[in-house]
Amino acid sequence: MLEAARSWAKALKRDVVALWIAARDRRTPWLAKILAAAVAAYALSPIDLIPDFVPVLGYLDDLLIVPLGVLLAIKLIPGPLMAEFRAAAALQNKPVSKAGLAFMVTVWLAGLALLTWWFVVKL
């Protein structure tokens, strides 16, 4: 069972990189390109929306949100094209998404600003 989980995680990491490649390829349909870019940016971001130290919710994105986003994006990309992207991803190192990082920092700063505003208005 542990080996199956490792295999699944390795395939998921490869598919995230394949989606990163798909988002930049002109042959990818536009809806799939948008979803692939969003999923890859989030999955490759060095910062999570919900940090892993938060009990239960911290791993929710890793175990549920990212895999579902990957599955949906893959369904929107034609099979032969996705196979090509997977082959290219197997040869490539895992990139880091600066756009995903910027988005996560923006979300955290907006949340902090909202929380600060709420405390100022209530006091």
N, C-alpha and C. Protein backbone atom coordinates (compact mmCIF):
# COMPACT_ATOMS: atom_id res chain seq x y z
N MET A 1 0.83 -1.19 0.00
CA MET A 1 0.00 0.00 0.00
C MET A 1 0.87 1.26 0.00
N LEU A 2 1.95 1.23 0.76
CA LEU A 2 2.86 2.37 0.81
C LEU A 2 3.52 2.60 -0.54
N GLU A 3 3.85 1.51 -1.22
CA GLU A 3 4.47 1.64 -2.54
C GLU A 3 3.48 2.23 -3.55
N ALA A 4 2.22 1.88 -3.44
CA ALA A 4 1.19 2.44 -4.33
C ALA A 4 1.03 3.94 -4.08
N ALA A 5 1.09 4.35 -2.83
CA ALA A 5 0.99 5.78 -2.49
C ALA A 5 2.20 6.55 -3.03
N ARG A 6 3.37 5.97 -2.94
CA ARG A 6 4.57 6.61 -3.49
C ARG A 6 4.49 6.74 -4.99
N SER A 7 4.01 5.69 -5.64
CA SER A 7 3.86 5.72 -7.10
C SER A 7 2.85 6.79 -7.52
N TRP A 8 1.74 6.88 -6.79
CA TRP A 8 0.71 7.88 -7.08
C TRP A 8 1.27 9.29 -6.90
N ALA A 9 2.02 9.51 -5.82
CA ALA A 9 2.59 10.84 -5.56
C ALA A 9 3.61 11.21 -6.64
N LYS A 10 4.40 10.25 -7.08
CA LYS A 10 5.39 10.51 -8.13
C LYS A 10 4.70 10.87 -9.45
N ALA A 11 3.63 10.14 -9.77
CA ALA A 11 2.87 10.43 -11.00
C ALA A 11 2.19 11.79 -10.90
N LEU A 12 1.69 12.14 -9.72
CA LEU A 12 1.05 13.44 -9.53
C LEU A 12 2.05 14.58 -9.72
N LYS A 13 3.25 14.42 -9.18
CA LYS A 13 4.29 15.44 -9.36
C LYS A 13 4.66 15.59 -10.84
N ARG A 14 4.77 14.47 -11.53
CA ARG A 14 5.06 14.52 -12.96
C ARG A 14 3.94 15.21 -13.72
N ASP A 15 2.70 14.90 -13.36
CA ASP A 15 1.56 15.51 -14.04
C ASP A 15 1.47 17.02 -13.78
N VAL A 16 1.87 17.46 -12.60
CA VAL A 16 1.88 18.90 -12.32
C VAL A 16 2.87 19.60 -13.24
N VAL A 17 4.06 19.01 -13.41
CA VAL A 17 5.05 19.59 -14.32
C VAL A 17 4.54 19.52 -15.75
N ALA A 18 3.86 18.42 -16.11
CA ALA A 18 3.28 18.30 -17.45
C ALA A 18 2.23 19.39 -17.68
N LEU A 19 1.45 19.71 -16.67
CA LEU A 19 0.46 20.78 -16.80
C LEU A 19 1.14 22.14 -16.93
N TRP A 20 2.26 22.31 -16.24
CA TRP A 20 3.05 23.54 -16.37
C TRP A 20 3.51 23.71 -17.82
N ILE A 21 3.94 22.61 -18.42
CA ILE A 21 4.36 22.63 -19.83
C ILE A 21 3.14 22.87 -20.73
N ALA A 22 2.03 22.21 -20.43
CA ALA A 22 0.81 22.35 -21.24
C ALA A 22 0.29 23.79 -21.24
N ALA A 23 0.42 24.46 -20.11
CA ALA A 23 -0.07 25.84 -20.00
C ALA A 23 0.69 26.78 -20.93
N ARG A 24 1.89 26.40 -21.33
CA ARG A 24 2.72 27.24 -22.20
C ARG A 24 2.69 26.81 -23.67
N ASP A 25 2.00 25.72 -23.95
CA ASP A 25 1.97 25.20 -25.32
C ASP A 25 0.76 25.75 -26.07
N ARG A 26 0.97 26.23 -27.28
CA ARG A 26 -0.11 26.85 -28.06
C ARG A 26 -1.15 25.83 -28.52
N ARG A 27 -0.80 24.55 -28.53
CA ARG A 27 -1.75 23.51 -28.98
C ARG A 27 -2.77 23.14 -27.91
N THR A 28 -2.55 23.57 -26.70
CA THR A 28 -3.46 23.27 -25.60
C THR A 28 -4.72 24.13 -25.75
N PRO A 29 -5.92 23.53 -25.63
CA PRO A 29 -7.15 24.33 -25.68
C PRO A 29 -7.15 25.40 -24.59
N TRP A 30 -7.77 26.54 -24.88
CA TRP A 30 -7.67 27.70 -23.99
C TRP A 30 -8.20 27.43 -22.59
N LEU A 31 -9.32 26.71 -22.43
CA LEU A 31 -9.86 26.42 -21.10
C LEU A 31 -8.90 25.51 -20.32
N ALA A 32 -8.37 24.51 -21.01
CA ALA A 32 -7.40 23.62 -20.37
C ALA A 32 -6.13 24.38 -20.01
N LYS A 33 -5.74 25.31 -20.86
CA LYS A 33 -4.54 26.12 -20.62
C LYS A 33 -4.70 26.96 -19.35
N ILE A 34 -5.86 27.58 -19.17
CA ILE A 34 -6.12 28.40 -17.99
C ILE A 34 -6.12 27.55 -16.73
N LEU A 35 -6.83 26.42 -16.78
CA LEU A 35 -6.89 25.53 -15.61
C LEU A 35 -5.52 24.92 -15.32
N ALA A 36 -4.81 24.50 -16.36
CA ALA A 36 -3.48 23.93 -16.16
C ALA A 36 -2.53 24.95 -15.54
N ALA A 37 -2.60 26.18 -16.00
CA ALA A 37 -1.74 27.23 -15.44
C ALA A 37 -2.07 27.48 -13.97
N ALA A 38 -3.36 27.53 -13.64
CA ALA A 38 -3.77 27.78 -12.26
C ALA A 38 -3.34 26.64 -11.34
N VAL A 39 -3.58 25.40 -11.77
CA VAL A 39 -3.22 24.24 -10.95
C VAL A 39 -1.71 24.15 -10.79
N ALA A 40 -0.97 24.32 -11.88
CA ALA A 40 0.49 24.24 -11.81
C ALA A 40 1.06 25.37 -10.95
N ALA A 41 0.54 26.58 -11.11
CA ALA A 41 1.04 27.70 -10.31
C ALA A 41 0.82 27.45 -8.83
N TYR A 42 -0.36 26.94 -8.48
CA TYR A 42 -0.65 26.67 -7.08
C TYR A 42 0.20 25.51 -6.55
N ALA A 43 0.27 24.42 -7.31
CA ALA A 43 1.00 23.24 -6.85
C ALA A 43 2.51 23.49 -6.78
N LEU A 44 3.04 24.31 -7.66
CA LEU A 44 4.48 24.56 -7.69
C LEU A 44 4.90 25.75 -6.83
N SER A 45 3.93 26.43 -6.24
CA SER A 45 4.24 27.56 -5.37
C SER A 45 4.92 27.07 -4.10
N PRO A 46 5.95 27.76 -3.66
CA PRO A 46 6.61 27.34 -2.42
C PRO A 46 5.79 27.63 -1.16
N ILE A 47 4.71 28.37 -1.29
CA ILE A 47 3.84 28.70 -0.15
C ILE A 47 2.45 28.12 -0.40
N ASP A 48 1.90 27.44 0.61
CA ASP A 48 0.55 26.89 0.51
C ASP A 48 -0.48 27.92 0.95
N LEU A 49 -1.69 27.77 0.42
CA LEU A 49 -2.79 28.64 0.85
C LEU A 49 -3.06 28.41 2.33
N ILE A 50 -3.12 27.14 2.72
CA ILE A 50 -3.30 26.76 4.11
C ILE A 50 -2.01 26.04 4.53
N PRO A 51 -1.23 26.63 5.44
CA PRO A 51 0.04 26.00 5.83
C PRO A 51 -0.16 24.59 6.39
N ASP A 52 0.82 23.73 6.16
CA ASP A 52 0.71 22.33 6.56
C ASP A 52 0.64 22.14 8.08
N PHE A 53 1.08 23.12 8.87
CA PHE A 53 1.03 22.95 10.32
C PHE A 53 -0.38 23.12 10.88
N VAL A 54 -1.33 23.62 10.08
CA VAL A 54 -2.72 23.73 10.52
C VAL A 54 -3.33 22.32 10.50
N PRO A 55 -3.81 21.83 11.65
CA PRO A 55 -4.32 20.46 11.71
C PRO A 55 -5.41 20.20 10.67
N VAL A 56 -5.35 19.09 10.02
CA VAL A 56 -6.27 18.56 9.02
C VAL A 56 -6.34 19.45 7.78
N LEU A 57 -6.70 20.71 7.93
CA LEU A 57 -6.85 21.60 6.78
C LEU A 57 -5.54 21.85 6.05
N GLY A 58 -4.43 21.77 6.76
CA GLY A 58 -3.12 22.03 6.16
C GLY A 58 -2.76 21.05 5.06
N TYR A 59 -3.24 19.82 5.20
CA TYR A 59 -2.95 18.81 4.18
C TYR A 59 -4.09 18.62 3.19
N LEU A 60 -5.19 19.34 3.40
CA LEU A 60 -6.35 19.22 2.52
C LEU A 60 -6.01 19.58 1.09
N ASP A 61 -5.23 20.64 0.88
CA ASP A 61 -4.88 21.02 -0.49
C ASP A 61 -3.98 19.97 -1.13
N ASP A 62 -3.07 19.39 -0.36
CA ASP A 62 -2.16 18.39 -0.91
C ASP A 62 -2.88 17.08 -1.25
N LEU A 63 -3.88 16.73 -0.47
CA LEU A 63 -4.55 15.45 -0.64
C LEU A 63 -5.84 15.51 -1.45
N LEU A 64 -6.41 16.70 -1.60
CA LEU A 64 -7.70 16.78 -2.26
C LEU A 64 -7.74 17.82 -3.38
N ILE A 65 -7.41 19.06 -3.08
CA ILE A 65 -7.57 20.14 -4.05
C ILE A 65 -6.63 19.98 -5.24
N VAL A 66 -5.34 19.76 -5.00
CA VAL A 66 -4.38 19.63 -6.10
C VAL A 66 -4.69 18.40 -6.97
N PRO A 67 -4.90 17.21 -6.39
CA PRO A 67 -5.21 16.06 -7.26
C PRO A 67 -6.48 16.24 -8.09
N LEU A 68 -7.52 16.85 -7.50
CA LEU A 68 -8.75 17.07 -8.26
C LEU A 68 -8.53 18.08 -9.39
N GLY A 69 -7.77 19.12 -9.11
CA GLY A 69 -7.44 20.10 -10.15
C GLY A 69 -6.62 19.47 -11.27
N VAL A 70 -5.67 18.62 -10.91
CA VAL A 70 -4.86 17.93 -11.92
C VAL A 70 -5.74 17.03 -12.78
N LEU A 71 -6.61 16.26 -12.14
CA LEU A 71 -7.50 15.36 -12.90
C LEU A 71 -8.40 16.13 -13.87
N LEU A 72 -8.96 17.23 -13.42
CA LEU A 72 -9.83 18.03 -14.27
C LEU A 72 -9.06 18.62 -15.45
N ALA A 73 -7.89 19.15 -15.17
CA ALA A 73 -7.08 19.74 -16.25
C ALA A 73 -6.66 18.69 -17.27
N ILE A 74 -6.29 17.50 -16.80
CA ILE A 74 -5.89 16.42 -17.70
C ILE A 74 -7.05 16.00 -18.59
N LYS A 75 -8.25 15.98 -18.04
CA LYS A 75 -9.44 15.60 -18.83
C LYS A 75 -9.69 16.58 -19.98
N LEU A 76 -9.27 17.83 -19.81
CA LEU A 76 -9.51 18.85 -20.83
C LEU A 76 -8.42 18.88 -21.92
N ILE A 77 -7.34 18.15 -21.71
CA ILE A 77 -6.24 18.13 -22.67
C ILE A 77 -6.32 16.85 -23.48
N PRO A 78 -6.24 16.93 -24.82
CA PRO A 78 -6.29 15.71 -25.64
C PRO A 78 -5.22 14.71 -25.23
N GLY A 79 -5.57 13.42 -25.24
CA GLY A 79 -4.70 12.34 -24.78
C GLY A 79 -3.30 12.32 -25.39
N PRO A 80 -3.18 12.36 -26.73
CA PRO A 80 -1.84 12.33 -27.32
C PRO A 80 -0.99 13.53 -26.91
N LEU A 81 -1.62 14.68 -26.77
CA LEU A 81 -0.91 15.88 -26.36
C LEU A 81 -0.44 15.75 -24.91
N MET A 82 -1.30 15.21 -24.03
CA MET A 82 -0.93 15.02 -22.63
C MET A 82 0.20 14.01 -22.51
N ALA A 83 0.18 12.98 -23.34
CA ALA A 83 1.27 11.99 -23.32
C ALA A 83 2.60 12.65 -23.68
N GLU A 84 2.57 13.56 -24.64
CA GLU A 84 3.76 14.30 -25.03
C GLU A 84 4.25 15.18 -23.87
N PHE A 85 3.33 15.84 -23.18
CA PHE A 85 3.70 16.70 -22.06
C PHE A 85 4.27 15.87 -20.90
N ARG A 86 3.69 14.69 -20.67
CA ARG A 86 4.20 13.81 -19.61
C ARG A 86 5.61 13.34 -19.92
N ALA A 87 5.86 13.01 -21.18
CA ALA A 87 7.21 12.58 -21.57
C ALA A 87 8.21 13.71 -21.36
N ALA A 88 7.82 14.92 -21.71
CA ALA A 88 8.71 16.07 -21.51
C ALA A 88 8.91 16.35 -20.02
N ALA A 89 7.86 16.16 -19.22
CA ALA A 89 7.95 16.41 -17.78
C ALA A 89 8.87 15.41 -17.09
N ALA A 90 8.90 14.18 -17.59
CA ALA A 90 9.76 13.16 -17.00
C ALA A 90 11.24 13.52 -17.15
N LEU A 91 11.56 14.32 -18.15
CA LEU A 91 12.95 14.70 -18.41
C LEU A 91 13.33 16.02 -17.76
N GLN A 92 12.39 16.69 -17.14
CA GLN A 92 12.61 18.05 -16.65
C GLN A 92 12.60 18.08 -15.12
N ASN A 93 13.39 18.96 -14.54
CA ASN A 93 13.37 19.17 -13.10
C ASN A 93 12.11 19.94 -12.72
N LYS A 94 11.70 19.80 -11.47
CA LYS A 94 10.50 20.48 -10.98
C LYS A 94 10.75 21.99 -10.94
N PRO A 95 9.97 22.77 -11.68
CA PRO A 95 10.12 24.23 -11.64
C PRO A 95 9.46 24.79 -10.38
N VAL A 96 9.74 26.03 -10.10
CA VAL A 96 9.10 26.75 -8.99
C VAL A 96 8.28 27.87 -9.60
N SER A 97 7.03 27.99 -9.17
CA SER A 97 6.13 28.97 -9.74
C SER A 97 6.24 30.30 -9.02
N LYS A 98 6.81 31.29 -9.68
CA LYS A 98 6.87 32.63 -9.10
C LYS A 98 5.49 33.28 -9.11
N ALA A 99 4.67 32.94 -10.12
CA ALA A 99 3.31 33.47 -10.17
C ALA A 99 2.49 32.90 -9.01
N GLY A 100 2.66 31.62 -8.73
CA GLY A 100 1.97 31.00 -7.60
C GLY A 100 2.41 31.61 -6.28
N LEU A 101 3.70 31.86 -6.16
CA LEU A 101 4.23 32.51 -4.96
C LEU A 101 3.61 33.90 -4.80
N ALA A 102 3.59 34.67 -5.88
CA ALA A 102 3.02 36.03 -5.82
C ALA A 102 1.54 35.98 -5.45
N PHE A 103 0.80 35.02 -6.01
CA PHE A 103 -0.61 34.89 -5.69
C PHE A 103 -0.82 34.55 -4.22
N MET A 104 -0.05 33.58 -3.70
CA MET A 104 -0.20 33.19 -2.29
C MET A 104 0.17 34.34 -1.36
N VAL A 105 1.22 35.07 -1.67
CA VAL A 105 1.60 36.22 -0.84
C VAL A 105 0.50 37.27 -0.88
N THR A 106 -0.09 37.49 -2.06
CA THR A 106 -1.18 38.46 -2.18
C THR A 106 -2.39 38.03 -1.36
N VAL A 107 -2.73 36.75 -1.41
CA VAL A 107 -3.88 36.25 -0.64
C VAL A 107 -3.62 36.42 0.85
N TRP A 108 -2.42 36.07 1.31
CA TRP A 108 -2.09 36.21 2.73
C TRP A 108 -2.10 37.68 3.16
N LEU A 109 -1.55 38.58 2.33
CA LEU A 109 -1.55 40.00 2.67
C LEU A 109 -2.97 40.57 2.68
N ALA A 110 -3.80 40.15 1.74
CA ALA A 110 -5.19 40.60 1.71
C ALA A 110 -5.93 40.11 2.95
N GLY A 111 -5.69 38.87 3.34
CA GLY A 111 -6.31 38.34 4.56
C GLY A 111 -5.86 39.09 5.79
N LEU A 112 -4.58 39.40 5.85
CA LEU A 112 -4.04 40.17 6.97
C LEU A 112 -4.64 41.58 7.01
N ALA A 113 -4.76 42.21 5.84
CA ALA A 113 -5.36 43.54 5.76
C ALA A 113 -6.82 43.50 6.18
N LEU A 114 -7.56 42.49 5.76
CA LEU A 114 -8.96 42.34 6.12
C LEU A 114 -9.12 42.12 7.62
N LEU A 115 -8.26 41.27 8.17
CA LEU A 115 -8.30 41.01 9.60
C LEU A 115 -7.97 42.28 10.40
N THR A 116 -6.97 43.03 9.96
CA THR A 116 -6.60 44.29 10.61
C THR A 116 -7.75 45.29 10.54
N TRP A 117 -8.37 45.41 9.35
CA TRP A 117 -9.51 46.31 9.19
C TRP A 117 -10.65 45.91 10.12
N TRP A 118 -10.92 44.62 10.24
CA TRP A 118 -12.01 44.12 11.07
C TRP A 118 -11.76 44.49 12.53
N PHE A 119 -10.51 44.32 13.01
CA PHE A 119 -10.19 44.67 14.38
C PHE A 119 -10.30 46.17 14.62
N VAL A 120 -9.88 46.98 13.66
CA VAL A 120 -9.95 48.44 13.80
C VAL A 120 -11.40 48.90 13.85
N VAL A 121 -12.25 48.36 13.02
CA VAL A 121 -13.67 48.73 12.99
C VAL A 121 -14.37 48.28 14.27
N LYS A 122 -14.04 47.12 14.77
CA LYS A 122 -14.70 46.58 15.98
C LYS A 122 -14.23 47.30 17.25
N LEU A 123 -13.05 47.87 17.21
CA LEU A 123 -12.54 48.56 18.43
C LEU A 123 -12.87 50.00 18.29
